């Protein structure tokens, strides 16, 4: 039997059913209080996040996002779907009746391009992103691709990942060099 056939025989669907990717729990708790996590500066002045969940395998991430009053987000593009539940304050996309306030939910579908405005009270939201968000400058030039890994590195730099659920399987890639 050739080496390729041996590899194919070993890594068949039954192998993966018995040996799925495994993210070791280690000392991670099942339940955490987000108050244990310090706020980390986010990508725009006046914005902060707490990384709750970070899937380095598929790129999704969950966070609490806090935005100071008067902040207008830079134009950005949702490469994947995102969902948000507003905990405090609110935000909206343009003047008009359709604004989100405390207790409101929104779904920003893949392909959405917008420039949210924050209400005068500011905003705190629980947000789930199923993939990256591309940020643009005022000239329309993409300046950042905010994916799960970028959020992980920013939170780690702030010593704010101790209570984050990180999915990275047994042979992880939490370091930039893939170690």
C-alpha atoms as a PDB file:
ATOM      1  CA  UNK A   1       0.000   0.000   0.000  1.00  0.00           C
ATOM      2  CA  UNK A   2       1.394   3.434  -0.924  1.00  0.00           C
ATOM      3  CA  UNK A   3       2.063   6.146   1.660  1.00  0.00           C
ATOM      4  CA  UNK A   4      -0.844   8.226   0.263  1.00  0.00           C
ATOM      5  CA  UNK A   5      -3.201   5.266   0.656  1.00  0.00           C
ATOM      6  CA  UNK A   6      -2.012   4.770   4.267  1.00  0.00           C
ATOM      7  CA  UNK A   7      -2.728   8.428   5.034  1.00  0.00           C
ATOM      8  CA  UNK A   8      -6.163   8.208   3.399  1.00  0.00           C
ATOM      9  CA  UNK A   9      -6.930   5.023   5.323  1.00  0.00           C
ATOM     10  CA  UNK A  10      -5.957   6.626   8.653  1.00  0.00           C
ATOM     11  CA  UNK A  11      -7.824   9.929   8.110  1.00  0.00           C
ATOM     12  CA  UNK A  12     -11.197   8.603   7.000  1.00  0.00           C
ATOM     13  CA  UNK A  13     -14.539   9.915   8.368  1.00  0.00           C
ATOM     14  CA  UNK A  14     -14.548   7.280  11.108  1.00  0.00           C
ATOM     15  CA  UNK A  15     -11.168   8.596  12.349  1.00  0.00           C
ATOM     16  CA  UNK A  16     -12.625  12.087  12.759  1.00  0.00           C
ATOM     17  CA  UNK A  17     -15.714  10.755  14.553  1.00  0.00           C
ATOM     18  CA  UNK A  18     -13.485   9.034  17.103  1.00  0.00           C
ATOM     19  CA  UNK A  19     -10.700  11.664  17.165  1.00  0.00           C
ATOM     20  CA  UNK A  20     -12.326  15.071  16.625  1.00  0.00           C
ATOM     21  CA  UNK A  21     -10.419  18.294  17.047  1.00  0.00           C
ATOM     22  CA  UNK A  22     -10.110  18.889  20.763  1.00  0.00           C
ATOM     23  CA  UNK A  23      -9.833  22.172  22.616  1.00  0.00           C
ATOM     24  CA  UNK A  24      -8.463  21.268  26.048  1.00  0.00           C
ATOM     25  CA  UNK A  25     -10.367  22.894  28.900  1.00  0.00           C
ATOM     26  CA  UNK A  26      -7.330  23.259  31.126  1.00  0.00           C
ATOM     27  CA  UNK A  27      -8.118  25.572  34.048  1.00  0.00           C
ATOM     28  CA  UNK A  28     -10.866  27.424  32.175  1.00  0.00           C
ATOM     29  CA  UNK A  29     -14.145  27.790  34.037  1.00  0.00           C
ATOM     30  CA  UNK A  30     -17.461  26.943  32.398  1.00  0.00           C
ATOM     31  CA  UNK A  31     -19.025  30.135  33.749  1.00  0.00           C
ATOM     32  CA  UNK A  32     -17.325  33.485  34.120  1.00  0.00           C
ATOM     33  CA  UNK A  33     -18.348  36.926  35.241  1.00  0.00           C
ATOM     34  CA  UNK A  34     -17.452  39.454  32.521  1.00  0.00           C
ATOM     35  CA  UNK A  35     -16.529  41.881  35.312  1.00  0.00           C
ATOM     36  CA  UNK A  36     -13.396  39.723  35.785  1.00  0.00           C
ATOM     37  CA  UNK A  37     -12.186  40.785  32.326  1.00  0.00           C
ATOM     38  CA  UNK A  38     -10.594  44.227  31.944  1.00  0.00           C
ATOM     39  CA  UNK A  39     -11.704  46.483  29.100  1.00  0.00           C
ATOM     40  CA  UNK A  40      -9.277  46.534  26.161  1.00  0.00           C
ATOM     41  CA  UNK A  41      -9.009  49.497  23.792  1.00  0.00           C
ATOM     42  CA  UNK A  42     -10.722  48.582  20.549  1.00  0.00           C
ATOM     43  CA  UNK A  43      -9.993  49.801  17.025  1.00  0.00           C
ATOM     44  CA  UNK A  44     -11.341  53.359  17.249  1.00  0.00           C
ATOM     45  CA  UNK A  45     -10.809  56.015  19.938  1.00  0.00           C
ATOM     46  CA  UNK A  46     -13.556  55.819  22.552  1.00  0.00           C
ATOM     47  CA  UNK A  47     -14.270  52.109  22.004  1.00  0.00           C
ATOM     48  CA  UNK A  48     -13.437  49.177  24.280  1.00  0.00           C
ATOM     49  CA  UNK A  49     -14.094  45.450  24.323  1.00  0.00           C
ATOM     50  CA  UNK A  50     -14.067  42.376  26.544  1.00  0.00           C
ATOM     51  CA  UNK A  51     -13.342  39.212  24.563  1.00  0.00           C
ATOM     52  CA  UNK A  52     -15.646  36.462  25.862  1.00  0.00           C
ATOM     53  CA  UNK A  53     -15.193  33.802  23.162  1.00  0.00           C
ATOM     54  CA  UNK A  54     -12.622  33.485  20.403  1.00  0.00           C
ATOM     55  CA  UNK A  55     -12.619  30.666  17.855  1.00  0.00           C
ATOM     56  CA  UNK A  56      -9.209  30.651  16.193  1.00  0.00           C
ATOM     57  CA  UNK A  57     -10.339  27.659  14.107  1.00  0.00           C
ATOM     58  CA  UNK A  58     -13.338  29.180  12.302  1.00  0.00           C
ATOM     59  CA  UNK A  59     -12.791  32.902  12.994  1.00  0.00           C
ATOM     60  CA  UNK A  60     -15.883  33.735  15.035  1.00  0.00           C
ATOM     61  CA  UNK A  61     -15.706  35.806  18.206  1.00  0.00           C
ATOM     62  CA  UNK A  62     -18.026  37.111  20.915  1.00  0.00           C
ATOM     63  CA  UNK A  63     -17.440  40.264  22.885  1.00  0.00           C
ATOM     64  CA  UNK A  64     -18.877  43.014  24.985  1.00  0.00           C
ATOM     65  CA  UNK A  65     -18.358  46.293  23.149  1.00  0.00           C
ATOM     66  CA  UNK A  66     -18.525  49.656  24.907  1.00  0.00           C
ATOM     67  CA  UNK A  67     -18.619  52.912  22.948  1.00  0.00           C
ATOM     68  CA  UNK A  68     -18.302  56.355  24.504  1.00  0.00           C
ATOM     69  CA  UNK A  69     -20.990  58.991  23.861  1.00  0.00           C
ATOM     70  CA  UNK A  70     -20.511  60.974  20.668  1.00  0.00           C
ATOM     71  CA  UNK A  71     -18.427  58.360  18.852  1.00  0.00           C
ATOM     72  CA  UNK A  72     -19.197  57.849  15.180  1.00  0.00           C
ATOM     73  CA  UNK A  73     -17.851  54.555  13.859  1.00  0.00           C
ATOM     74  CA  UNK A  74     -15.662  54.499  10.815  1.00  0.00           C
ATOM     75  CA  UNK A  75     -17.202  52.940   7.707  1.00  0.00           C
ATOM     76  CA  UNK A  76     -16.893  49.177   7.880  1.00  0.00           C
ATOM     77  CA  UNK A  77     -17.915  46.067   5.992  1.00  0.00           C
ATOM     78  CA  UNK A  78     -19.207  42.892   7.645  1.00  0.00           C
ATOM     79  CA  UNK A  79     -17.505  40.085   5.758  1.00  0.00           C
ATOM     80  CA  UNK A  80     -19.657  37.640   7.759  1.00  0.00           C
ATOM     81  CA  UNK A  81     -22.858  37.913   9.730  1.00  0.00           C
ATOM     82  CA  UNK A  82     -22.849  39.699  13.080  1.00  0.00           C
ATOM     83  CA  UNK A  83     -25.455  39.990  15.819  1.00  0.00           C
ATOM     84  CA  UNK A  84     -25.795  42.486  18.651  1.00  0.00           C
ATOM     85  CA  UNK A  85     -27.970  42.909  21.728  1.00  0.00           C
ATOM     86  CA  UNK A  86     -27.887  46.401  23.230  1.00  0.00           C
ATOM     87  CA  UNK A  87     -27.335  46.331  27.006  1.00  0.00           C
ATOM     88  CA  UNK A  88     -27.124  50.094  27.604  1.00  0.00           C
ATOM     89  CA  UNK A  89     -27.558  53.217  25.484  1.00  0.00           C
ATOM     90  CA  UNK A  90     -28.001  52.686  21.768  1.00  0.00           C
ATOM     91  CA  UNK A  91     -26.861  53.226  18.200  1.00  0.00           C
ATOM     92  CA  UNK A  92     -28.274  53.746  14.726  1.00  0.00           C
ATOM     93  CA  UNK A  93     -27.109  53.911  11.122  1.00  0.00           C
ATOM     94  CA  UNK A  94     -28.621  57.169   9.879  1.00  0.00           C
ATOM     95  CA  UNK A  95     -31.120  59.795  10.967  1.00  0.00           C
ATOM     96  CA  UNK A  96     -34.641  58.478  11.032  1.00  0.00           C
ATOM     97  CA  UNK A  97     -36.979  56.382  13.113  1.00  0.00           C
ATOM     98  CA  UNK A  98     -35.037  53.095  12.984  1.00  0.00           C
ATOM     99  CA  UNK A  99     -32.740  53.298  16.029  1.00  0.00           C
ATOM    100  CA  UNK A 100     -31.615  50.668  18.490  1.00  0.00           C
ATOM    101  CA  UNK A 101     -31.863  51.197  22.240  1.00  0.00           C
ATOM    102  CA  UNK A 102     -31.379  49.217  25.438  1.00  0.00           C
ATOM    103  CA  UNK A 103     -33.005  45.806  25.044  1.00  0.00           C
ATOM    104  CA  UNK A 104     -33.001  45.898  21.216  1.00  0.00           C
ATOM    105  CA  UNK A 105     -31.426  43.233  19.000  1.00  0.00           C
ATOM    106  CA  UNK A 106     -30.001  43.628  15.509  1.00  0.00           C
ATOM    107  CA  UNK A 107     -28.503  41.348  12.886  1.00  0.00           C
ATOM    108  CA  UNK A 108     -25.913  42.791  10.535  1.00  0.00           C
ATOM    109  CA  UNK A 109     -25.768  40.435   7.584  1.00  0.00           C
ATOM    110  CA  UNK A 110     -22.666  39.579   5.580  1.00  0.00           C
ATOM    111  CA  UNK A 111     -22.047  42.287   3.028  1.00  0.00           C
ATOM    112  CA  UNK A 112     -23.449  45.097   5.185  1.00  0.00           C
ATOM    113  CA  UNK A 113     -21.463  48.309   4.812  1.00  0.00           C
ATOM    114  CA  UNK A 114     -22.353  51.093   7.207  1.00  0.00           C
ATOM    115  CA  UNK A 115     -21.190  53.824   9.557  1.00  0.00           C
ATOM    116  CA  UNK A 116     -23.049  53.599  12.900  1.00  0.00           C
ATOM    117  CA  UNK A 117     -23.671  56.555  15.184  1.00  0.00           C
ATOM    118  CA  UNK A 118     -23.886  56.189  18.971  1.00  0.00           C
ATOM    119  CA  UNK A 119     -26.681  57.777  20.981  1.00  0.00           C
ATOM    120  CA  UNK A 120     -25.739  60.581  23.420  1.00  0.00           C
ATOM    121  CA  UNK A 121     -25.717  58.008  26.267  1.00  0.00           C
ATOM    122  CA  UNK A 122     -23.046  55.899  24.563  1.00  0.00           C
ATOM    123  CA  UNK A 123     -23.597  52.194  24.035  1.00  0.00           C
ATOM    124  CA  UNK A 124     -22.703  48.837  25.533  1.00  0.00           C
ATOM    125  CA  UNK A 125     -23.616  45.740  23.554  1.00  0.00           C
ATOM    126  CA  UNK A 126     -23.159  41.994  23.511  1.00  0.00           C
ATOM    127  CA  UNK A 127     -21.927  41.160  20.007  1.00  0.00           C
ATOM    128  CA  UNK A 128     -21.302  37.932  18.094  1.00  0.00           C
ATOM    129  CA  UNK A 129     -19.323  38.088  14.869  1.00  0.00           C
ATOM    130  CA  UNK A 130     -19.221  35.003  12.653  1.00  0.00           C
ATOM    131  CA  UNK A 131     -16.126  36.308  10.874  1.00  0.00           C
ATOM    132  CA  UNK A 132     -14.050  39.397  10.206  1.00  0.00           C
ATOM    133  CA  UNK A 133     -15.025  43.033   9.905  1.00  0.00           C
ATOM    134  CA  UNK A 134     -13.121  45.255   7.438  1.00  0.00           C
ATOM    135  CA  UNK A 135     -12.500  48.843   8.538  1.00  0.00           C
ATOM    136  CA  UNK A 136     -11.976  51.730   6.107  1.00  0.00           C
ATOM    137  CA  UNK A 137     -10.564  55.232   6.358  1.00  0.00           C
ATOM    138  CA  UNK A 138     -12.370  58.349   5.100  1.00  0.00           C
ATOM    139  CA  UNK A 139     -10.838  57.874   1.641  1.00  0.00           C
ATOM    140  CA  UNK A 140     -12.358  54.391   1.289  1.00  0.00           C
ATOM    141  CA  UNK A 141      -9.067  52.569   1.810  1.00  0.00           C
ATOM    142  CA  UNK A 142      -9.255  49.371   3.876  1.00  0.00           C
ATOM    143  CA  UNK A 143      -7.013  49.833   6.924  1.00  0.00           C
ATOM    144  CA  UNK A 144      -7.836  46.807   9.087  1.00  0.00           C
ATOM    145  CA  UNK A 145      -9.320  43.331   8.856  1.00  0.00           C
ATOM    146  CA  UNK A 146     -10.595  42.760  12.388  1.00  0.00           C
ATOM    147  CA  UNK A 147     -10.770  38.985  12.693  1.00  0.00           C
ATOM    148  CA  UNK A 148     -10.850  36.652  15.699  1.00  0.00           C
ATOM    149  CA  UNK A 149      -7.070  36.424  15.816  1.00  0.00           C
ATOM    150  CA  UNK A 150      -6.602  40.224  15.907  1.00  0.00           C
ATOM    151  CA  UNK A 151      -9.089  40.462  18.792  1.00  0.00           C
ATOM    152  CA  UNK A 152      -7.257  37.667  20.598  1.00  0.00           C
ATOM    153  CA  UNK A 153      -3.859  39.382  20.202  1.00  0.00           C
ATOM    154  CA  UNK A 154      -5.215  42.768  21.341  1.00  0.00           C
ATOM    155  CA  UNK A 155      -6.861  41.236  24.435  1.00  0.00           C
ATOM    156  CA  UNK A 156      -3.792  39.117  25.201  1.00  0.00           C
ATOM    157  CA  UNK A 157      -1.567  42.220  25.017  1.00  0.00           C
ATOM    158  CA  UNK A 158      -3.841  43.756  27.676  1.00  0.00           C
ATOM    159  CA  UNK A 159      -3.667  40.604  29.871  1.00  0.00           C
ATOM    160  CA  UNK A 160      -7.384  40.146  29.243  1.00  0.00           C
ATOM    161  CA  UNK A 161      -7.703  36.539  27.976  1.00  0.00           C
ATOM    162  CA  UNK A 162      -7.515  34.570  31.229  1.00  0.00           C
ATOM    163  CA  UNK A 163     -11.300  34.085  31.278  1.00  0.00           C
ATOM    164  CA  UNK A 164     -11.858  34.015  27.507  1.00  0.00           C
ATOM    165  CA  UNK A 165     -13.028  30.744  25.978  1.00  0.00           C
ATOM    166  CA  UNK A 166     -10.470  30.113  23.241  1.00  0.00           C
ATOM    167  CA  UNK A 167     -11.084  27.390  20.661  1.00  0.00           C
ATOM    168  CA  UNK A 168      -7.816  26.349  19.059  1.00  0.00           C
ATOM    169  CA  UNK A 169      -7.754  22.529  19.195  1.00  0.00           C
ATOM    170  CA  UNK A 170      -4.922  20.540  20.745  1.00  0.00           C
ATOM    171  CA  UNK A 171      -2.289  21.737  18.314  1.00  0.00           C
ATOM    172  CA  UNK A 172      -3.025  25.408  18.735  1.00  0.00           C
ATOM    173  CA  UNK A 173      -1.888  28.514  16.947  1.00  0.00           C
ATOM    174  CA  UNK A 174      -2.189  31.156  19.640  1.00  0.00           C
ATOM    175  CA  UNK A 175       1.191  32.617  18.712  1.00  0.00           C
ATOM    176  CA  UNK A 176       1.724  34.550  15.529  1.00  0.00           C
ATOM    177  CA  UNK A 177       4.437  32.126  14.491  1.00  0.00           C
ATOM    178  CA  UNK A 178       1.978  29.206  14.745  1.00  0.00           C
ATOM    179  CA  UNK A 179       3.708  27.621  17.719  1.00  0.00           C
END
